């Protein structure tokens, strides 16, 4: 198991124990896992982002902290939050992460996730110029989420 996986697993266990929110310091986590603080930042940005259902608040410096909270929202609130965070363009990997997370959290059914994945795939967008695919993907993804809301 990679160090990133170990750190993420530890944070998830602590969030579970504390009923949805936990505070750490970067140095505390880095010391615990014998890694550099930038490794902690990597885990936070890749595993504990809004599209994964978390809110991360932090303050750097002496006495700094990281607060990680599992976000509890209704289906409609979560879909609107995701729609608002997508922006004007989204790459294929990010769209897939959003869709996968929504499916695993039962915000999207398996069939909805499969249809949206197909509609936002590079294969479906192949007729468009490469420079426009991410813009089209964002538009399609947002429209699909609005319709199923």
N, C-alpha and C. Protein backbone atom coordinates (compact mmCIF):
# COMPACT_ATOMS: atom_id res chain seq x y z
N UNK A 1 0.85 -1.18 0.00
CA UNK A 1 0.00 0.00 0.00
C UNK A 1 0.90 1.24 0.00
N UNK A 2 0.57 2.21 -0.84
CA UNK A 2 1.36 3.43 -0.94
C UNK A 2 1.13 4.34 0.26
N UNK A 3 2.08 5.23 0.51
CA UNK A 3 1.98 6.16 1.64
C UNK A 3 0.73 7.03 1.51
N UNK A 4 0.40 7.44 0.30
CA UNK A 4 -0.80 8.26 0.09
C UNK A 4 -2.05 7.51 0.52
N UNK A 5 -2.12 6.22 0.21
CA UNK A 5 -3.26 5.41 0.61
C UNK A 5 -3.34 5.27 2.12
N UNK A 6 -2.19 5.09 2.76
CA UNK A 6 -2.16 4.97 4.22
C UNK A 6 -2.64 6.25 4.90
N UNK A 7 -2.16 7.39 4.40
CA UNK A 7 -2.56 8.68 4.97
C UNK A 7 -4.06 8.89 4.78
N UNK A 8 -4.56 8.63 3.58
CA UNK A 8 -5.99 8.82 3.31
C UNK A 8 -6.84 7.89 4.18
N UNK A 9 -6.42 6.65 4.32
CA UNK A 9 -7.15 5.69 5.14
C UNK A 9 -7.19 6.15 6.60
N UNK A 10 -6.06 6.63 7.11
CA UNK A 10 -6.00 7.11 8.49
C UNK A 10 -6.96 8.30 8.68
N UNK A 11 -6.92 9.26 7.76
CA UNK A 11 -7.78 10.44 7.88
C UNK A 11 -9.25 10.02 7.83
N UNK A 12 -9.61 9.12 6.91
CA UNK A 12 -10.99 8.65 6.81
C UNK A 12 -11.44 7.96 8.10
N UNK A 13 -10.57 7.16 8.69
CA UNK A 13 -10.91 6.49 9.96
C UNK A 13 -11.14 7.51 11.07
N UNK A 14 -10.29 8.53 11.12
CA UNK A 14 -10.44 9.56 12.15
C UNK A 14 -11.72 10.38 11.95
N UNK A 15 -12.06 10.65 10.70
CA UNK A 15 -13.31 11.37 10.42
C UNK A 15 -14.49 10.52 10.86
N UNK A 16 -14.43 9.24 10.59
CA UNK A 16 -15.49 8.32 10.97
C UNK A 16 -15.64 8.28 12.50
N UNK A 17 -14.54 8.22 13.21
CA UNK A 17 -14.56 8.19 14.69
C UNK A 17 -15.10 9.48 15.29
N UNK A 18 -14.84 10.59 14.61
CA UNK A 18 -15.23 11.89 15.18
C UNK A 18 -16.55 12.41 14.62
N UNK A 19 -17.32 11.55 14.00
CA UNK A 19 -18.64 11.90 13.47
C UNK A 19 -18.61 12.96 12.39
N UNK A 20 -17.60 12.93 11.52
CA UNK A 20 -17.65 13.74 10.32
C UNK A 20 -16.69 14.89 10.20
N UNK A 21 -15.93 15.23 11.25
CA UNK A 21 -14.99 16.34 11.15
C UNK A 21 -13.78 16.08 12.05
N UNK A 22 -12.60 16.47 11.56
CA UNK A 22 -11.38 16.24 12.33
C UNK A 22 -10.38 17.36 12.06
N UNK A 23 -9.56 17.69 13.05
CA UNK A 23 -8.50 18.69 12.92
C UNK A 23 -7.15 18.02 13.07
N UNK A 24 -6.20 18.42 12.21
CA UNK A 24 -4.83 17.93 12.27
C UNK A 24 -3.90 19.11 12.02
N UNK A 25 -2.63 18.90 12.31
CA UNK A 25 -1.61 19.81 11.80
C UNK A 25 -0.84 19.04 10.74
N UNK A 26 -0.36 19.76 9.73
CA UNK A 26 0.39 19.09 8.66
C UNK A 26 1.61 18.36 9.23
N UNK A 27 2.30 19.05 10.12
CA UNK A 27 3.52 18.45 10.68
C UNK A 27 3.19 17.21 11.51
N UNK A 28 2.07 17.23 12.22
CA UNK A 28 1.65 16.06 13.00
C UNK A 28 1.44 14.86 12.08
N UNK A 29 0.74 15.08 10.97
CA UNK A 29 0.51 13.98 10.03
C UNK A 29 1.81 13.55 9.34
N UNK A 30 2.63 14.53 8.97
CA UNK A 30 3.90 14.22 8.31
C UNK A 30 4.79 13.40 9.24
N UNK A 31 4.86 13.77 10.51
CA UNK A 31 5.65 13.01 11.48
C UNK A 31 5.10 11.59 11.66
N UNK A 32 3.79 11.49 11.75
CA UNK A 32 3.14 10.19 11.96
C UNK A 32 3.47 9.22 10.84
N UNK A 33 3.56 9.73 9.60
CA UNK A 33 3.79 8.86 8.45
C UNK A 33 5.20 8.99 7.87
N UNK A 34 6.07 9.71 8.58
CA UNK A 34 7.46 9.89 8.15
C UNK A 34 7.54 10.34 6.69
N UNK A 35 6.84 11.42 6.41
CA UNK A 35 6.85 11.97 5.06
C UNK A 35 6.97 13.49 5.14
N UNK A 36 7.09 14.13 4.01
CA UNK A 36 7.17 15.59 3.98
C UNK A 36 5.76 16.17 3.97
N UNK A 37 5.59 17.38 4.48
CA UNK A 37 4.26 18.00 4.51
C UNK A 37 3.61 18.12 3.12
N UNK A 38 4.41 18.24 2.07
CA UNK A 38 3.81 18.33 0.73
C UNK A 38 3.08 17.04 0.36
N UNK A 39 3.48 15.91 0.93
CA UNK A 39 2.77 14.64 0.70
C UNK A 39 1.37 14.72 1.30
N UNK A 40 1.27 15.38 2.46
CA UNK A 40 -0.04 15.58 3.10
C UNK A 40 -0.90 16.45 2.20
N UNK A 41 -0.32 17.53 1.65
CA UNK A 41 -1.06 18.41 0.75
C UNK A 41 -1.57 17.64 -0.46
N UNK A 42 -0.73 16.76 -1.01
CA UNK A 42 -1.13 15.95 -2.16
C UNK A 42 -2.35 15.10 -1.81
N UNK A 43 -2.33 14.43 -0.68
CA UNK A 43 -3.44 13.59 -0.27
C UNK A 43 -4.71 14.43 -0.09
N UNK A 44 -4.57 15.58 0.52
CA UNK A 44 -5.74 16.43 0.74
C UNK A 44 -6.37 16.89 -0.57
N UNK A 45 -5.54 17.29 -1.53
CA UNK A 45 -6.10 17.80 -2.78
C UNK A 45 -6.63 16.71 -3.68
N UNK A 46 -6.09 15.50 -3.58
CA UNK A 46 -6.55 14.43 -4.47
C UNK A 46 -7.63 13.55 -3.86
N UNK A 47 -7.70 13.47 -2.55
CA UNK A 47 -8.65 12.54 -1.91
C UNK A 47 -9.74 13.22 -1.09
N UNK A 48 -9.53 14.47 -0.69
CA UNK A 48 -10.47 15.12 0.22
C UNK A 48 -10.97 16.45 -0.35
N UNK A 49 -11.33 16.42 -1.61
CA UNK A 49 -11.82 17.61 -2.31
C UNK A 49 -13.35 17.62 -2.27
N UNK A 50 -13.96 18.73 -2.66
CA UNK A 50 -15.42 18.79 -2.68
C UNK A 50 -16.06 17.71 -3.55
N UNK A 51 -15.44 17.39 -4.69
CA UNK A 51 -16.02 16.35 -5.53
C UNK A 51 -15.97 14.97 -4.89
N UNK A 52 -15.15 14.82 -3.86
CA UNK A 52 -15.11 13.58 -3.10
C UNK A 52 -15.96 13.65 -1.83
N UNK A 53 -16.66 14.79 -1.65
CA UNK A 53 -17.58 14.92 -0.52
C UNK A 53 -16.97 15.50 0.74
N UNK A 54 -15.87 16.25 0.62
CA UNK A 54 -15.21 16.81 1.79
C UNK A 54 -14.97 18.32 1.63
N UNK A 55 -14.91 18.98 2.76
CA UNK A 55 -14.52 20.39 2.80
C UNK A 55 -13.24 20.46 3.63
N UNK A 56 -12.20 21.08 3.07
CA UNK A 56 -10.93 21.20 3.78
C UNK A 56 -10.67 22.67 4.03
N UNK A 57 -10.47 23.00 5.30
CA UNK A 57 -10.15 24.37 5.71
C UNK A 57 -8.79 24.29 6.38
N UNK A 58 -7.91 25.24 6.07
CA UNK A 58 -6.59 25.17 6.69
C UNK A 58 -6.03 26.55 6.97
N UNK A 59 -5.13 26.58 7.92
CA UNK A 59 -4.38 27.78 8.25
C UNK A 59 -2.92 27.35 8.41
N UNK A 60 -2.05 28.04 7.70
CA UNK A 60 -0.62 27.69 7.74
C UNK A 60 0.08 28.44 8.86
N UNK A 61 1.31 28.01 9.11
CA UNK A 61 2.14 28.69 10.09
C UNK A 61 2.02 28.08 11.47
N UNK A 62 2.70 28.69 12.44
CA UNK A 62 2.66 28.22 13.82
C UNK A 62 1.24 28.19 14.34
N UNK A 63 0.85 27.11 14.93
CA UNK A 63 -0.51 26.96 15.42
C UNK A 63 -1.50 26.70 14.29
N UNK A 64 -0.98 26.45 13.09
CA UNK A 64 -1.85 26.18 11.94
C UNK A 64 -2.54 24.85 12.09
N UNK A 65 -3.55 24.65 11.28
CA UNK A 65 -4.33 23.42 11.36
C UNK A 65 -4.90 23.08 10.00
N UNK A 66 -5.39 21.88 9.91
CA UNK A 66 -6.17 21.41 8.78
C UNK A 66 -7.46 20.86 9.37
N UNK A 67 -8.59 21.37 8.92
CA UNK A 67 -9.89 20.84 9.35
C UNK A 67 -10.53 20.17 8.14
N UNK A 68 -10.83 18.90 8.28
CA UNK A 68 -11.46 18.14 7.20
C UNK A 68 -12.85 17.73 7.68
N UNK A 69 -13.84 18.08 6.88
CA UNK A 69 -15.23 17.80 7.24
C UNK A 69 -15.90 17.05 6.10
N UNK A 70 -16.56 15.97 6.44
CA UNK A 70 -17.37 15.26 5.45
C UNK A 70 -18.65 16.07 5.28
N UNK A 71 -18.94 16.45 4.07
CA UNK A 71 -20.08 17.30 3.78
C UNK A 71 -21.34 16.44 3.67
N UNK A 72 -22.34 16.82 4.43
CA UNK A 72 -23.63 16.14 4.37
C UNK A 72 -24.61 17.07 3.67
N UNK A 73 -25.02 16.70 2.49
CA UNK A 73 -25.96 17.50 1.71
C UNK A 73 -27.05 16.60 1.15
N UNK A 74 -28.18 17.22 0.83
CA UNK A 74 -29.20 16.47 0.11
C UNK A 74 -28.70 16.23 -1.31
N UNK A 75 -29.37 15.36 -2.00
CA UNK A 75 -28.98 15.07 -3.39
C UNK A 75 -28.99 16.34 -4.23
N UNK A 76 -30.06 17.12 -4.12
CA UNK A 76 -30.18 18.36 -4.89
C UNK A 76 -29.10 19.37 -4.54
N UNK A 77 -28.81 19.51 -3.24
CA UNK A 77 -27.76 20.45 -2.81
C UNK A 77 -26.40 20.02 -3.34
N UNK A 78 -26.12 18.73 -3.26
CA UNK A 78 -24.83 18.23 -3.74
C UNK A 78 -24.70 18.42 -5.24
N UNK A 79 -25.76 18.11 -5.98
CA UNK A 79 -25.72 18.30 -7.43
C UNK A 79 -25.49 19.77 -7.78
N UNK A 80 -26.17 20.68 -7.11
CA UNK A 80 -25.98 22.10 -7.38
C UNK A 80 -24.57 22.55 -7.01
N UNK A 81 -24.05 22.04 -5.91
CA UNK A 81 -22.67 22.37 -5.51
C UNK A 81 -21.69 21.90 -6.59
N UNK A 82 -21.87 20.70 -7.07
CA UNK A 82 -20.99 20.17 -8.11
C UNK A 82 -21.12 20.99 -9.39
N UNK A 83 -22.33 21.30 -9.78
CA UNK A 83 -22.56 22.12 -10.98
C UNK A 83 -21.82 23.44 -10.86
N UNK A 84 -21.89 24.05 -9.68
CA UNK A 84 -21.24 25.34 -9.46
C UNK A 84 -19.72 25.26 -9.39
N UNK A 85 -19.19 24.09 -9.04
CA UNK A 85 -17.73 23.97 -8.95
C UNK A 85 -17.08 23.52 -10.25
N UNK A 86 -17.86 23.04 -11.19
CA UNK A 86 -17.30 22.53 -12.44
C UNK A 86 -16.61 23.63 -13.24
N UNK A 87 -17.19 24.80 -13.29
CA UNK A 87 -16.59 25.88 -14.06
C UNK A 87 -16.90 25.78 -15.54
N UNK A 88 -16.13 26.48 -16.36
CA UNK A 88 -16.40 26.56 -17.80
C UNK A 88 -15.84 25.39 -18.58
N UNK A 89 -14.89 24.67 -17.99
CA UNK A 89 -14.34 23.51 -18.67
C UNK A 89 -13.92 22.47 -17.64
N UNK A 90 -13.86 21.23 -18.10
CA UNK A 90 -13.44 20.14 -17.21
C UNK A 90 -12.80 19.05 -18.07
N UNK A 91 -11.69 18.54 -17.59
CA UNK A 91 -11.02 17.48 -18.35
C UNK A 91 -11.69 16.13 -18.09
N UNK A 92 -11.36 15.17 -18.88
CA UNK A 92 -11.98 13.85 -18.82
C UNK A 92 -11.79 13.18 -17.46
N UNK A 93 -10.58 13.25 -16.92
CA UNK A 93 -10.30 12.59 -15.64
C UNK A 93 -11.10 13.22 -14.49
N UNK A 94 -11.21 14.54 -14.48
CA UNK A 94 -11.98 15.21 -13.43
C UNK A 94 -13.46 14.89 -13.55
N UNK A 95 -13.98 14.89 -14.77
CA UNK A 95 -15.39 14.54 -14.97
C UNK A 95 -15.64 13.11 -14.49
N UNK A 96 -14.73 12.21 -14.81
CA UNK A 96 -14.87 10.82 -14.37
C UNK A 96 -14.85 10.71 -12.84
N UNK A 97 -14.00 11.51 -12.20
CA UNK A 97 -13.93 11.50 -10.73
C UNK A 97 -15.25 11.98 -10.12
N UNK A 98 -15.79 13.07 -10.65
CA UNK A 98 -17.09 13.55 -10.17
C UNK A 98 -18.16 12.47 -10.32
N UNK A 99 -18.24 11.90 -11.50
CA UNK A 99 -19.28 10.91 -11.80
C UNK A 99 -19.12 9.67 -10.91
N UNK A 100 -17.89 9.19 -10.78
CA UNK A 100 -17.62 8.01 -9.95
C UNK A 100 -17.98 8.28 -8.49
N UNK A 101 -17.61 9.44 -7.99
CA UNK A 101 -17.92 9.79 -6.61
C UNK A 101 -19.43 9.88 -6.39
N UNK A 102 -20.12 10.52 -7.33
CA UNK A 102 -21.58 10.63 -7.19
C UNK A 102 -22.23 9.25 -7.24
N UNK A 103 -21.70 8.35 -8.06
CA UNK A 103 -22.24 7.00 -8.15
C UNK A 103 -21.96 6.22 -6.86
N UNK A 104 -20.74 6.29 -6.36
CA UNK A 104 -20.41 5.53 -5.15
C UNK A 104 -21.13 6.07 -3.92
N UNK A 105 -21.52 7.35 -3.95
CA UNK A 105 -22.29 7.93 -2.85
C UNK A 105 -23.79 7.90 -3.11
N UNK A 106 -24.18 7.13 -4.13
CA UNK A 106 -25.58 6.91 -4.48
C UNK A 106 -26.33 8.19 -4.82
N UNK A 107 -25.60 9.18 -5.33
CA UNK A 107 -26.23 10.40 -5.85
C UNK A 107 -26.69 10.13 -7.28
N UNK A 108 -25.93 9.30 -7.99
CA UNK A 108 -26.29 8.85 -9.33
C UNK A 108 -26.46 7.34 -9.30
N UNK A 109 -27.45 6.85 -9.99
CA UNK A 109 -27.60 5.40 -10.13
C UNK A 109 -26.52 4.89 -11.09
N UNK A 110 -26.36 3.59 -11.15
CA UNK A 110 -25.38 3.01 -12.07
C UNK A 110 -25.68 3.41 -13.51
N UNK A 111 -26.95 3.34 -13.89
CA UNK A 111 -27.30 3.66 -15.28
C UNK A 111 -27.11 5.15 -15.58
N UNK A 112 -27.43 6.02 -14.62
CA UNK A 112 -27.19 7.46 -14.82
C UNK A 112 -25.70 7.73 -14.98
N UNK A 113 -24.90 7.11 -14.13
CA UNK A 113 -23.44 7.31 -14.19
C UNK A 113 -22.89 6.81 -15.53
N UNK A 114 -23.37 5.67 -16.00
CA UNK A 114 -22.90 5.13 -17.27
C UNK A 114 -23.28 6.04 -18.43
N UNK A 115 -24.50 6.54 -18.43
CA UNK A 115 -24.95 7.43 -19.51
C UNK A 115 -24.16 8.74 -19.52
N UNK A 116 -23.96 9.33 -18.34
CA UNK A 116 -23.23 10.60 -18.27
C UNK A 116 -21.77 10.39 -18.63
N UNK A 117 -21.20 9.27 -18.20
CA UNK A 117 -19.81 8.94 -18.57
C UNK A 117 -19.69 8.82 -20.09
N UNK A 118 -20.63 8.15 -20.70
CA UNK A 118 -20.60 7.99 -22.16
C UNK A 118 -20.74 9.34 -22.86
N UNK A 119 -21.65 10.18 -22.36
CA UNK A 119 -21.90 11.48 -23.00
C UNK A 119 -20.72 12.44 -22.87
N UNK A 120 -19.94 12.28 -21.81
CA UNK A 120 -18.81 13.20 -21.58
C UNK A 120 -17.47 12.59 -21.95
N UNK A 121 -17.49 11.42 -22.55
CA UNK A 121 -16.23 10.74 -22.89
C UNK A 121 -15.52 11.42 -24.06
N UNK A 122 -14.23 11.20 -24.15
CA UNK A 122 -13.46 11.72 -25.28
C UNK A 122 -13.98 11.12 -26.59
N UNK A 123 -14.43 9.89 -26.54
CA UNK A 123 -14.96 9.24 -27.74
C UNK A 123 -16.19 9.99 -28.26
N UNK A 124 -17.12 10.33 -27.34
CA UNK A 124 -18.33 11.04 -27.74
C UNK A 124 -18.01 12.44 -28.25
N UNK A 125 -16.97 13.05 -27.70
CA UNK A 125 -16.60 14.41 -28.08
C UNK A 125 -15.57 14.47 -29.20
N UNK A 126 -15.21 13.34 -29.77
CA UNK A 126 -14.18 13.27 -30.81
C UNK A 126 -14.45 14.17 -32.02
N UNK A 127 -15.71 14.36 -32.45
CA UNK A 127 -15.93 15.24 -33.60
C UNK A 127 -15.58 16.71 -33.33
N UNK A 128 -15.55 17.10 -32.07
CA UNK A 128 -15.21 18.49 -31.73
C UNK A 128 -13.70 18.66 -31.73
N UNK A 129 -13.26 19.87 -31.97
CA UNK A 129 -11.83 20.16 -31.91
C UNK A 129 -11.33 19.95 -30.49
N UNK A 130 -10.09 19.48 -30.38
CA UNK A 130 -9.52 19.20 -29.05
C UNK A 130 -9.60 20.39 -28.12
N UNK A 131 -9.40 21.59 -28.65
CA UNK A 131 -9.40 22.79 -27.83
C UNK A 131 -10.78 23.10 -27.23
N UNK A 132 -11.83 22.50 -27.78
CA UNK A 132 -13.19 22.77 -27.30
C UNK A 132 -13.80 21.63 -26.49
N UNK A 133 -13.15 20.50 -26.44
CA UNK A 133 -13.74 19.33 -25.80
C UNK A 133 -14.01 19.53 -24.31
N UNK A 134 -13.08 20.13 -23.59
CA UNK A 134 -13.27 20.31 -22.15
C UNK A 134 -14.40 21.30 -21.86
N UNK A 135 -14.58 22.28 -22.72
CA UNK A 135 -15.68 23.24 -22.57
C UNK A 135 -17.01 22.53 -22.84
N UNK A 136 -17.06 21.75 -23.90
CA UNK A 136 -18.28 20.98 -24.21
C UNK A 136 -18.59 19.98 -23.11
N UNK A 137 -17.55 19.31 -22.62
CA UNK A 137 -17.73 18.31 -21.56
C UNK A 137 -18.36 18.94 -20.32
N UNK A 138 -17.88 20.12 -19.94
CA UNK A 138 -18.44 20.81 -18.77
C UNK A 138 -19.90 21.16 -19.01
N UNK A 139 -20.20 21.66 -20.17
CA UNK A 139 -21.57 22.04 -20.50
C UNK A 139 -22.50 20.82 -20.47
N UNK A 140 -22.07 19.73 -21.05
CA UNK A 140 -22.88 18.50 -21.08
C UNK A 140 -23.06 17.95 -19.67
N UNK A 141 -21.97 17.89 -18.91
CA UNK A 141 -22.05 17.36 -17.55
C UNK A 141 -23.00 18.18 -16.69
N UNK A 142 -22.87 19.50 -16.75
CA UNK A 142 -23.75 20.36 -15.96
C UNK A 142 -25.21 20.19 -16.37
N UNK A 143 -25.46 20.13 -17.67
CA UNK A 143 -26.83 19.98 -18.15
C UNK A 143 -27.42 18.64 -17.71
N UNK A 144 -26.66 17.57 -17.79
CA UNK A 144 -27.13 16.26 -17.33
C UNK A 144 -27.49 16.30 -15.85
N UNK A 145 -26.64 16.92 -15.04
CA UNK A 145 -26.90 16.99 -13.60
C UNK A 145 -28.12 17.84 -13.30
N UNK A 146 -28.34 18.89 -14.07
CA UNK A 146 -29.54 19.71 -13.87
C UNK A 146 -30.81 18.92 -14.20
N UNK A 147 -30.76 18.13 -15.26
CA UNK A 147 -31.93 17.37 -15.69
C UNK A 147 -32.30 16.28 -14.68
N UNK A 148 -31.32 15.60 -14.11
CA UNK A 148 -31.63 14.50 -13.18
C UNK A 148 -31.92 14.97 -11.77
N UNK A 149 -31.66 16.21 -11.50
CA UNK A 149 -31.83 16.76 -10.14
C UNK A 149 -33.18 16.54 -9.57
